[in-house]
Amino acid sequence: MEVFIHPTAIVNSKAKLEDGVEVGPYSMIGENVHIGRGTKIGPQVLVEGWVSIGRDCIISQGVSIGGLPQDRHYKECKSFIKIGDRNLIREYATIHRATGEGNATQIGNDNFLMAYSHIAHNCVLEDGIVLANFVGLAGYVTVEKRAIIGGLTGVHQYVRIGAYSIIGGCSKVVKDIPPYMKADGHPATLWGLNSVGLRRANFPPKTRTLLKKAYKILFKSNLNTTEALKKIEEEINPIPEIKHLCEFIRNSERGISKEKIIPK
């Protein structure tokens, strides 16, 4: 498997391209870039700075990876972007390096970042995530595995998006979204358990039932968060999903989004 570089592309001689890498027309690859086996770089793509990209990724036209962070606190330093395997990054998405010497913006495996999505400095994305068109993640956002964020959604800095959650399009996310939940709105509020997503992800019925019970204790029992977590841990079988939900909420620094209040 040979490396293919289009004649119009500019690839620094110090960049490391593994077998089967393709670089499309008018793309530019900087000297500190490492691109894994079988990854395809489309036309007019810019990859600069200290960037590593894993295997079998597809990076579409006009994507920019490795730009300086949009952060007033940034000072010139050696910071990184680390991207895993089998990611699909669509047209004109932007991914910025981290703020802080030695820090990294991190993207895991099997993620789908749609057109014009933005991953700011120091973000951490786990695996199997979907960001729809024009999603913007501000600095230091964490997105756990298999979360889905709808188009035109903005996520405030330092917010965490929990695993297997789903956020509706055009939402404004200013607080943490707990795992396994669905959220929507401006600002985003919770609309119940992400039952459809959990079923599609092959969570067993017993697990979904326990998570639904935990949701009711959290948001329909008139208990405060501390009391609700204590009740969940006393009354519900501590399966891994319940433990993760409680730990996520307990460790929240910005606070969690609460359930939508619908006037009667």
C-alpha atoms as a PDB file:
ATOM      1  CA  MET A   1       0.000   0.000   0.000  1.00  0.00           C
ATOM      2  CA  GLU A   2       1.762   3.098  -1.206  1.00  0.00           C
ATOM      3  CA  VAL A   3       1.207   6.655  -0.059  1.00  0.00           C
ATOM      4  CA  PHE A   4      -0.567   8.770  -2.666  1.00  0.00           C
ATOM      5  CA  ILE A   5       0.021  12.528  -2.620  1.00  0.00           C
ATOM      6  CA  HIS A   6      -1.693  14.638  -5.276  1.00  0.00           C
ATOM      7  CA  PRO A   7       0.803  16.750  -7.271  1.00  0.00           C
ATOM      8  CA  THR A   8      -0.789  19.975  -6.046  1.00  0.00           C
ATOM      9  CA  ALA A   9      -0.654  19.009  -2.348  1.00  0.00           C
ATOM     10  CA  ILE A  10       2.124  20.345  -0.083  1.00  0.00           C
ATOM     11  CA  VAL A  11       3.415  17.785   2.407  1.00  0.00           C
ATOM     12  CA  ASN A  12       6.358  18.657   4.628  1.00  0.00           C
ATOM     13  CA  SER A  13       9.204  16.201   4.246  1.00  0.00           C
ATOM     14  CA  LYS A  14       9.265  15.649   8.025  1.00  0.00           C
ATOM     15  CA  ALA A  15       5.604  14.643   8.235  1.00  0.00           C
ATOM     16  CA  LYS A  16       5.036  10.926   8.809  1.00  0.00           C
ATOM     17  CA  LEU A  17       2.473   9.281   6.527  1.00  0.00           C
ATOM     18  CA  GLU A  18       1.920   5.558   6.965  1.00  0.00           C
ATOM     19  CA  ASP A  19       1.063   3.045   4.245  1.00  0.00           C
ATOM     20  CA  GLY A  20      -2.094   3.676   2.245  1.00  0.00           C
ATOM     21  CA  VAL A  21      -2.499   7.330   3.178  1.00  0.00           C
ATOM     22  CA  GLU A  22      -3.993   9.529   0.462  1.00  0.00           C
ATOM     23  CA  VAL A  23      -3.624  13.321   0.331  1.00  0.00           C
ATOM     24  CA  GLY A  24      -5.965  15.175  -2.029  1.00  0.00           C
ATOM     25  CA  PRO A  25      -5.499  18.244  -4.240  1.00  0.00           C
ATOM     26  CA  TYR A  26      -4.243  21.489  -2.665  1.00  0.00           C
ATOM     27  CA  SER A  27      -4.065  20.040   0.849  1.00  0.00           C
ATOM     28  CA  MET A  28      -1.252  21.072   3.220  1.00  0.00           C
ATOM     29  CA  ILE A  29       0.352  18.768   5.801  1.00  0.00           C
ATOM     30  CA  GLY A  30       2.781  20.244   8.347  1.00  0.00           C
ATOM     31  CA  GLU A  31       6.087  18.884   9.601  1.00  0.00           C
ATOM     32  CA  ASN A  32       4.857  17.597  12.986  1.00  0.00           C
ATOM     33  CA  VAL A  33       1.906  15.627  11.620  1.00  0.00           C
ATOM     34  CA  HIS A  34       1.558  11.847  11.857  1.00  0.00           C
ATOM     35  CA  ILE A  35      -1.183  10.210   9.770  1.00  0.00           C
ATOM     36  CA  GLY A  36      -2.065   6.562  10.314  1.00  0.00           C
ATOM     37  CA  ARG A  37      -2.412   3.738   7.817  1.00  0.00           C
ATOM     38  CA  GLY A  38      -5.222   4.009   5.269  1.00  0.00           C
ATOM     39  CA  THR A  39      -6.433   7.480   6.235  1.00  0.00           C
ATOM     40  CA  LYS A  40      -7.763   9.574   3.355  1.00  0.00           C
ATOM     41  CA  ILE A  41      -7.265  13.346   3.296  1.00  0.00           C
ATOM     42  CA  GLY A  42      -9.586  15.148   0.880  1.00  0.00           C
ATOM     43  CA  PRO A  43      -8.925  18.316  -1.142  1.00  0.00           C
ATOM     44  CA  GLN A  44      -7.997  21.666   0.421  1.00  0.00           C
ATOM     45  CA  VAL A  45      -7.437  20.227   3.898  1.00  0.00           C
ATOM     46  CA  LEU A  46      -5.010  21.902   6.329  1.00  0.00           C
ATOM     47  CA  VAL A  47      -3.307  19.807   9.026  1.00  0.00           C
ATOM     48  CA  GLU A  48      -0.695  21.754  11.009  1.00  0.00           C
ATOM     49  CA  GLY A  49       0.979  21.745  14.400  1.00  0.00           C
ATOM     50  CA  TRP A  50       1.559  18.655  16.543  1.00  0.00           C
ATOM     51  CA  VAL A  51      -1.223  16.429  15.242  1.00  0.00           C
ATOM     52  CA  SER A  52      -1.578  12.650  15.219  1.00  0.00           C
ATOM     53  CA  ILE A  53      -4.399  11.022  13.239  1.00  0.00           C
ATOM     54  CA  GLY A  54      -5.130   7.315  13.507  1.00  0.00           C
ATOM     55  CA  ARG A  55      -5.972   4.659  10.954  1.00  0.00           C
ATOM     56  CA  ASP A  56      -8.709   4.570   8.331  1.00  0.00           C
ATOM     57  CA  CYS A  57     -10.059   8.049   8.964  1.00  0.00           C
ATOM     58  CA  ILE A  58     -11.806  10.035   6.243  1.00  0.00           C
ATOM     59  CA  ILE A  59     -11.193  13.780   6.307  1.00  0.00           C
ATOM     60  CA  SER A  60     -13.290  15.728   3.832  1.00  0.00           C
ATOM     61  CA  GLN A  61     -12.816  18.903   1.837  1.00  0.00           C
ATOM     62  CA  GLY A  62     -11.752  22.074   3.623  1.00  0.00           C
ATOM     63  CA  VAL A  63     -11.254  20.568   7.097  1.00  0.00           C
ATOM     64  CA  SER A  64      -8.790  22.472   9.313  1.00  0.00           C
ATOM     65  CA  ILE A  65      -6.957  20.529  12.037  1.00  0.00           C
ATOM     66  CA  GLY A  66      -4.312  21.955  14.342  1.00  0.00           C
ATOM     67  CA  GLY A  67      -5.121  25.654  14.323  1.00  0.00           C
ATOM     68  CA  LEU A  68      -4.211  27.779  17.338  1.00  0.00           C
ATOM     69  CA  PRO A  69      -6.814  27.820  20.121  1.00  0.00           C
ATOM     70  CA  GLN A  70      -9.273  30.705  20.209  1.00  0.00           C
ATOM     71  CA  ASP A  71      -8.318  31.439  23.793  1.00  0.00           C
ATOM     72  CA  ARG A  72      -7.080  34.739  25.267  1.00  0.00           C
ATOM     73  CA  HIS A  73      -5.017  32.733  27.772  1.00  0.00           C
ATOM     74  CA  TYR A  74      -3.106  30.883  25.060  1.00  0.00           C
ATOM     75  CA  LYS A  75       0.638  31.464  24.921  1.00  0.00           C
ATOM     76  CA  GLU A  76       2.816  29.938  22.229  1.00  0.00           C
ATOM     77  CA  CYS A  77       3.718  26.430  23.325  1.00  0.00           C
ATOM     78  CA  LYS A  78       3.907  22.827  22.170  1.00  0.00           C
ATOM     79  CA  SER A  79       0.383  21.463  22.469  1.00  0.00           C
ATOM     80  CA  PHE A  80      -1.330  18.647  20.624  1.00  0.00           C
ATOM     81  CA  ILE A  81      -4.296  17.127  18.841  1.00  0.00           C
ATOM     82  CA  LYS A  82      -4.724  13.364  19.147  1.00  0.00           C
ATOM     83  CA  ILE A  83      -7.296  11.720  16.877  1.00  0.00           C
ATOM     84  CA  GLY A  84      -8.046   7.983  16.937  1.00  0.00           C
ATOM     85  CA  ASP A  85      -9.124   5.500  14.269  1.00  0.00           C
ATOM     86  CA  ARG A  86     -12.027   5.319  11.799  1.00  0.00           C
ATOM     87  CA  ASN A  87     -13.252   8.856  12.328  1.00  0.00           C
ATOM     88  CA  LEU A  88     -15.336  10.536   9.638  1.00  0.00           C
ATOM     89  CA  ILE A  89     -14.769  14.302   9.587  1.00  0.00           C
ATOM     90  CA  ARG A  90     -16.921  16.126   7.065  1.00  0.00           C
ATOM     91  CA  GLU A  91     -16.537  19.368   5.138  1.00  0.00           C
ATOM     92  CA  TYR A  92     -15.038  22.449   6.804  1.00  0.00           C
ATOM     93  CA  ALA A  93     -14.973  21.075  10.342  1.00  0.00           C
ATOM     94  CA  THR A  94     -12.363  22.736  12.582  1.00  0.00           C
ATOM     95  CA  ILE A  95     -10.340  21.160  15.398  1.00  0.00           C
ATOM     96  CA  HIS A  96      -8.002  23.337  17.481  1.00  0.00           C
ATOM     97  CA  ARG A  97      -4.890  22.533  19.482  1.00  0.00           C
ATOM     98  CA  ALA A  98      -4.965  22.666  23.270  1.00  0.00           C
ATOM     99  CA  THR A  99      -4.038  25.543  25.533  1.00  0.00           C
ATOM    100  CA  GLY A 100      -1.144  24.746  27.854  1.00  0.00           C
ATOM    101  CA  GLU A 101       2.268  23.161  27.346  1.00  0.00           C
ATOM    102  CA  GLY A 102       1.933  19.450  26.633  1.00  0.00           C
ATOM    103  CA  ASN A 103      -1.874  19.413  26.732  1.00  0.00           C
ATOM    104  CA  ALA A 104      -4.004  17.843  24.016  1.00  0.00           C
ATOM    105  CA  THR A 105      -7.375  18.130  22.339  1.00  0.00           C
ATOM    106  CA  GLN A 106      -8.458  14.477  22.092  1.00  0.00           C
ATOM    107  CA  ILE A 107     -10.850  12.612  19.811  1.00  0.00           C
ATOM    108  CA  GLY A 108     -11.343   8.865  20.167  1.00  0.00           C
ATOM    109  CA  ASN A 109     -12.477   6.269  17.631  1.00  0.00           C
ATOM    110  CA  ASP A 110     -15.443   5.855  15.289  1.00  0.00           C
ATOM    111  CA  ASN A 111     -16.773   9.399  15.619  1.00  0.00           C
ATOM    112  CA  PHE A 112     -18.855  11.215  12.991  1.00  0.00           C
ATOM    113  CA  LEU A 113     -18.207  14.967  12.922  1.00  0.00           C
ATOM    114  CA  MET A 114     -20.517  16.553  10.360  1.00  0.00           C
ATOM    115  CA  ALA A 115     -19.971  19.633   8.214  1.00  0.00           C
ATOM    116  CA  TYR A 116     -18.858  22.867   9.907  1.00  0.00           C
ATOM    117  CA  SER A 117     -18.699  21.327  13.369  1.00  0.00           C
ATOM    118  CA  HIS A 118     -16.117  22.931  15.688  1.00  0.00           C
ATOM    119  CA  ILE A 119     -14.006  21.228  18.360  1.00  0.00           C
ATOM    120  CA  ALA A 120     -12.310  23.872  20.494  1.00  0.00           C
ATOM    121  CA  HIS A 121      -9.119  23.656  22.539  1.00  0.00           C
ATOM    122  CA  ASN A 122      -8.750  21.010  25.258  1.00  0.00           C
ATOM    123  CA  CYS A 123     -11.953  19.193  24.350  1.00  0.00           C
ATOM    124  CA  VAL A 124     -12.118  15.447  24.972  1.00  0.00           C
ATOM    125  CA  LEU A 125     -14.383  13.286  22.819  1.00  0.00           C
ATOM    126  CA  GLU A 126     -14.670   9.577  23.530  1.00  0.00           C
ATOM    127  CA  ASP A 127     -15.887   6.981  20.982  1.00  0.00           C
ATOM    128  CA  GLY A 128     -18.884   6.635  18.678  1.00  0.00           C
ATOM    129  CA  ILE A 129     -20.065  10.245  19.005  1.00  0.00           C
ATOM    130  CA  VAL A 130     -22.159  12.093  16.414  1.00  0.00           C
ATOM    131  CA  LEU A 131     -21.911  15.873  16.064  1.00  0.00           C
ATOM    132  CA  ALA A 132     -24.422  17.126  13.497  1.00  0.00           C
ATOM    133  CA  ASN A 133     -23.883  20.133  11.213  1.00  0.00           C
ATOM    134  CA  PHE A 134     -22.683  23.394  12.829  1.00  0.00           C
ATOM    135  CA  VAL A 135     -22.341  21.987  16.352  1.00  0.00           C
ATOM    136  CA  GLY A 136     -19.917  24.145  18.353  1.00  0.00           C
ATOM    137  CA  LEU A 137     -18.035  22.800  21.361  1.00  0.00           C
ATOM    138  CA  ALA A 138     -16.322  25.498  23.411  1.00  0.00           C
ATOM    139  CA  GLY A 139     -13.059  24.895  25.269  1.00  0.00           C
ATOM    140  CA  TYR A 140     -12.620  22.044  27.749  1.00  0.00           C
ATOM    141  CA  VAL A 141     -15.885  20.314  26.830  1.00  0.00           C
ATOM    142  CA  THR A 142     -16.036  16.551  27.463  1.00  0.00           C
ATOM    143  CA  VAL A 143     -18.332  14.319  25.408  1.00  0.00           C
ATOM    144  CA  GLU A 144     -18.670  10.726  26.551  1.00  0.00           C
ATOM    145  CA  LYS A 145     -19.162   7.729  24.284  1.00  0.00           C
ATOM    146  CA  ARG A 146     -22.092   7.349  21.891  1.00  0.00           C
ATOM    147  CA  ALA A 147     -23.587  10.785  22.632  1.00  0.00           C
ATOM    148  CA  ILE A 148     -25.463  12.518  19.801  1.00  0.00           C
ATOM    149  CA  ILE A 149     -25.620  16.322  19.523  1.00  0.00           C
ATOM    150  CA  GLY A 150     -28.104  17.853  17.086  1.00  0.00           C
ATOM    151  CA  GLY A 151     -27.256  20.493  14.512  1.00  0.00           C
ATOM    152  CA  LEU A 152     -26.684  24.160  15.342  1.00  0.00           C
ATOM    153  CA  THR A 153     -26.217  23.349  19.034  1.00  0.00           C
ATOM    154  CA  GLY A 154     -23.771  25.389  21.111  1.00  0.00           C
ATOM    155  CA  VAL A 155     -22.077  23.849  24.149  1.00  0.00           C
ATOM    156  CA  HIS A 156     -20.622  26.126  26.857  1.00  0.00           C
ATOM    157  CA  GLN A 157     -17.017  25.698  27.975  1.00  0.00           C
ATOM    158  CA  TYR A 158     -16.313  23.040  30.635  1.00  0.00           C
ATOM    159  CA  VAL A 159     -19.691  21.348  30.073  1.00  0.00           C
ATOM    160  CA  ARG A 160     -19.823  17.529  30.071  1.00  0.00           C
ATOM    161  CA  ILE A 161     -22.141  15.534  27.849  1.00  0.00           C
ATOM    162  CA  GLY A 162     -22.892  12.091  29.280  1.00  0.00           C
ATOM    163  CA  ALA A 163     -22.672   8.751  27.506  1.00  0.00           C
ATOM    164  CA  TYR A 164     -25.595   7.645  25.292  1.00  0.00           C
ATOM    165  CA  SER A 165     -27.346  10.985  25.719  1.00  0.00           C
ATOM    166  CA  ILE A 166     -29.000  12.868  22.858  1.00  0.00           C
ATOM    167  CA  ILE A 167     -29.395  16.641  22.499  1.00  0.00           C
ATOM    168  CA  GLY A 168     -31.915  18.180  20.104  1.00  0.00           C
ATOM    169  CA  GLY A 169     -30.895  20.605  17.388  1.00  0.00           C
ATOM    170  CA  CYS A 170     -30.529  24.346  18.040  1.00  0.00           C
ATOM    171  CA  SER A 171     -30.047  23.779  21.759  1.00  0.00           C
ATOM    172  CA  LYS A 172     -28.005  25.964  24.119  1.00  0.00           C
ATOM    173  CA  VAL A 173     -26.152  23.707  26.563  1.00  0.00           C
ATOM    174  CA  VAL A 174     -24.849  25.539  29.640  1.00  0.00           C
ATOM    175  CA  LYS A 175     -24.921  22.738  32.215  1.00  0.00           C
ATOM    176  CA  ASP A 176     -23.906  19.087  32.216  1.00  0.00           C
ATOM    177  CA  ILE A 177     -26.207  16.625  30.450  1.00  0.00           C
ATOM    178  CA  PRO A 178     -26.320  13.394  32.485  1.00  0.00           C
ATOM    179  CA  PRO A 179     -25.674  10.097  30.694  1.00  0.00           C
ATOM    180  CA  TYR A 180     -28.558   8.159  29.135  1.00  0.00           C
ATOM    181  CA  MET A 181     -30.817  11.234  28.997  1.00  0.00           C
ATOM    182  CA  LYS A 182     -32.390  13.283  26.215  1.00  0.00           C
ATOM    183  CA  ALA A 183     -32.203  17.066  26.286  1.00  0.00           C
ATOM    184  CA  ASP A 184     -33.445  19.979  24.225  1.00  0.00           C
ATOM    185  CA  GLY A 185     -34.052  23.687  24.494  1.00  0.00           C
ATOM    186  CA  HIS A 186     -32.606  27.142  25.018  1.00  0.00           C
ATOM    187  CA  PRO A 187     -31.180  26.615  27.599  1.00  0.00           C
ATOM    188  CA  ALA A 188     -31.286  22.827  27.323  1.00  0.00           C
ATOM    189  CA  THR A 189     -33.427  20.920  29.800  1.00  0.00           C
ATOM    190  CA  LEU A 190     -34.071  17.198  30.172  1.00  0.00           C
ATOM    191  CA  TRP A 191     -36.986  15.448  28.506  1.00  0.00           C
ATOM    192  CA  GLY A 192     -36.671  11.989  30.008  1.00  0.00           C
ATOM    193  CA  LEU A 193     -34.576   8.904  29.437  1.00  0.00           C
ATOM    194  CA  ASN A 194     -33.101   8.335  25.967  1.00  0.00           C
ATOM    195  CA  SER A 195     -35.097   5.100  25.701  1.00  0.00           C
ATOM    196  CA  VAL A 196     -34.914   4.795  21.915  1.00  0.00           C
ATOM    197  CA  GLY A 197     -31.156   5.329  21.884  1.00  0.00           C
ATOM    198  CA  LEU A 198     -30.619   2.820  24.675  1.00  0.00           C
ATOM    199  CA  ARG A 199     -32.736   0.227  22.903  1.00  0.00           C
ATOM    200  CA  ARG A 200     -30.859   0.764  19.635  1.00  0.00           C
ATOM    201  CA  ALA A 201     -27.582   0.365  21.551  1.00  0.00           C
ATOM    202  CA  ASN A 202     -28.833  -3.033  22.802  1.00  0.00           C
ATOM    203  CA  PHE A 203     -29.147  -2.150  26.464  1.00  0.00           C
ATOM    204  CA  PRO A 204     -31.229  -4.955  28.033  1.00  0.00           C
ATOM    205  CA  PRO A 205     -34.772  -4.176  29.235  1.00  0.00           C
ATOM    206  CA  LYS A 206     -33.758  -4.622  32.885  1.00  0.00           C
ATOM    207  CA  THR A 207     -31.063  -1.943  32.563  1.00  0.00           C
ATOM    208  CA  ARG A 208     -33.456   0.483  30.890  1.00  0.00           C
ATOM    209  CA  THR A 209     -36.032  -0.117  33.617  1.00  0.00           C
ATOM    210  CA  LEU A 210     -33.518   0.636  36.382  1.00  0.00           C
ATOM    211  CA  LEU A 211     -32.328   3.800  34.623  1.00  0.00           C
ATOM    212  CA  LYS A 212     -35.935   4.956  34.250  1.00  0.00           C
ATOM    213  CA  LYS A 213     -36.494   4.386  37.960  1.00  0.00           C
ATOM    214  CA  ALA A 214     -33.348   6.405  38.732  1.00  0.00           C
ATOM    215  CA  TYR A 215     -34.583   9.227  36.487  1.00  0.00           C
ATOM    216  CA  LYS A 216     -37.890   9.380  38.395  1.00  0.00           C
ATOM    217  CA  ILE A 217     -36.074   9.565  41.725  1.00  0.00           C
ATOM    218  CA  LEU A 218     -33.797  12.325  40.439  1.00  0.00           C
ATOM    219  CA  PHE A 219     -36.402  14.550  38.856  1.00  0.00           C
ATOM    220  CA  LYS A 220     -39.908  13.553  40.020  1.00  0.00           C
ATOM    221  CA  SER A 221     -39.511  12.853  43.742  1.00  0.00           C
ATOM    222  CA  ASN A 222     -39.124  16.422  45.086  1.00  0.00           C
ATOM    223  CA  LEU A 223     -35.780  15.405  46.588  1.00  0.00           C
ATOM    224  CA  ASN A 224     -32.692  17.551  46.192  1.00  0.00           C
ATOM    225  CA  THR A 225     -29.824  16.058  44.197  1.00  0.00           C
ATOM    226  CA  THR A 226     -27.885  14.813  47.221  1.00  0.00           C
ATOM    227  CA  GLU A 227     -30.962  13.131  48.674  1.00  0.00           C
ATOM    228  CA  ALA A 228     -31.914  11.634  45.306  1.00  0.00           C
ATOM    229  CA  LEU A 229     -28.474  10.123  44.768  1.00  0.00           C
ATOM    230  CA  LYS A 230     -28.548   8.592  48.231  1.00  0.00           C
ATOM    231  CA  LYS A 231     -31.989   7.098  47.570  1.00  0.00           C
ATOM    232  CA  ILE A 232     -30.853   5.673  44.214  1.00  0.00           C
ATOM    233  CA  GLU A 233     -27.821   4.021  45.781  1.00  0.00           C
ATOM    234  CA  GLU A 234     -29.963   2.562  48.591  1.00  0.00           C
ATOM    235  CA  GLU A 235     -32.853   1.280  46.469  1.00  0.00           C
ATOM    236  CA  ILE A 236     -31.555   0.427  42.988  1.00  0.00           C
ATOM    237  CA  ASN A 237     -29.319  -2.466  42.009  1.00  0.00           C
ATOM    238  CA  PRO A 238     -25.838  -0.907  41.502  1.00  0.00           C
ATOM    239  CA  ILE A 239     -25.295  -2.027  37.916  1.00  0.00           C
ATOM    240  CA  PRO A 240     -22.466  -0.213  36.046  1.00  0.00           C
ATOM    241  CA  GLU A 241     -24.866   2.212  34.356  1.00  0.00           C
ATOM    242  CA  ILE A 242     -26.408   3.291  37.658  1.00  0.00           C
ATOM    243  CA  LYS A 243     -22.958   3.725  39.192  1.00  0.00           C
ATOM    244  CA  HIS A 244     -21.831   5.809  36.220  1.00  0.00           C
ATOM    245  CA  LEU A 245     -24.949   8.003  36.363  1.00  0.00           C
ATOM    246  CA  CYS A 246     -24.484   8.707  40.070  1.00  0.00           C
ATOM    247  CA  GLU A 247     -20.758   9.347  39.728  1.00  0.00           C
ATOM    248  CA  PHE A 248     -21.293  11.693  36.775  1.00  0.00           C
ATOM    249  CA  ILE A 249     -23.815  13.790  38.699  1.00  0.00           C
ATOM    250  CA  ARG A 250     -21.816  13.796  41.913  1.00  0.00           C
ATOM    251  CA  ASN A 251     -18.699  15.021  40.071  1.00  0.00           C
ATOM    252  CA  SER A 252     -20.489  17.793  38.173  1.00  0.00           C
ATOM    253  CA  GLU A 253     -18.881  21.191  38.658  1.00  0.00           C
ATOM    254  CA  ARG A 254     -21.253  23.268  36.519  1.00  0.00           C
ATOM    255  CA  GLY A 255     -24.345  21.469  37.788  1.00  0.00           C
ATOM    256  CA  ILE A 256     -26.647  19.254  35.755  1.00  0.00           C
ATOM    257  CA  SER A 257     -29.536  20.228  33.535  1.00  0.00           C
ATOM    258  CA  LYS A 258     -32.908  19.539  35.159  1.00  0.00           C
ATOM    259  CA  GLU A 259     -36.176  18.277  33.750  1.00  0.00           C
ATOM    260  CA  LYS A 260     -38.326  20.529  31.586  1.00  0.00           C
ATOM    261  CA  ILE A 261     -41.207  22.005  33.564  1.00  0.00           C
ATOM    262  CA  ILE A 262     -44.378  21.865  31.502  1.00  0.00           C
ATOM    263  CA  PRO A 263     -47.186  24.149  32.739  1.00  0.00           C
ATOM    264  CA  LYS A 264     -50.411  22.314  33.519  1.00  0.00           C
END
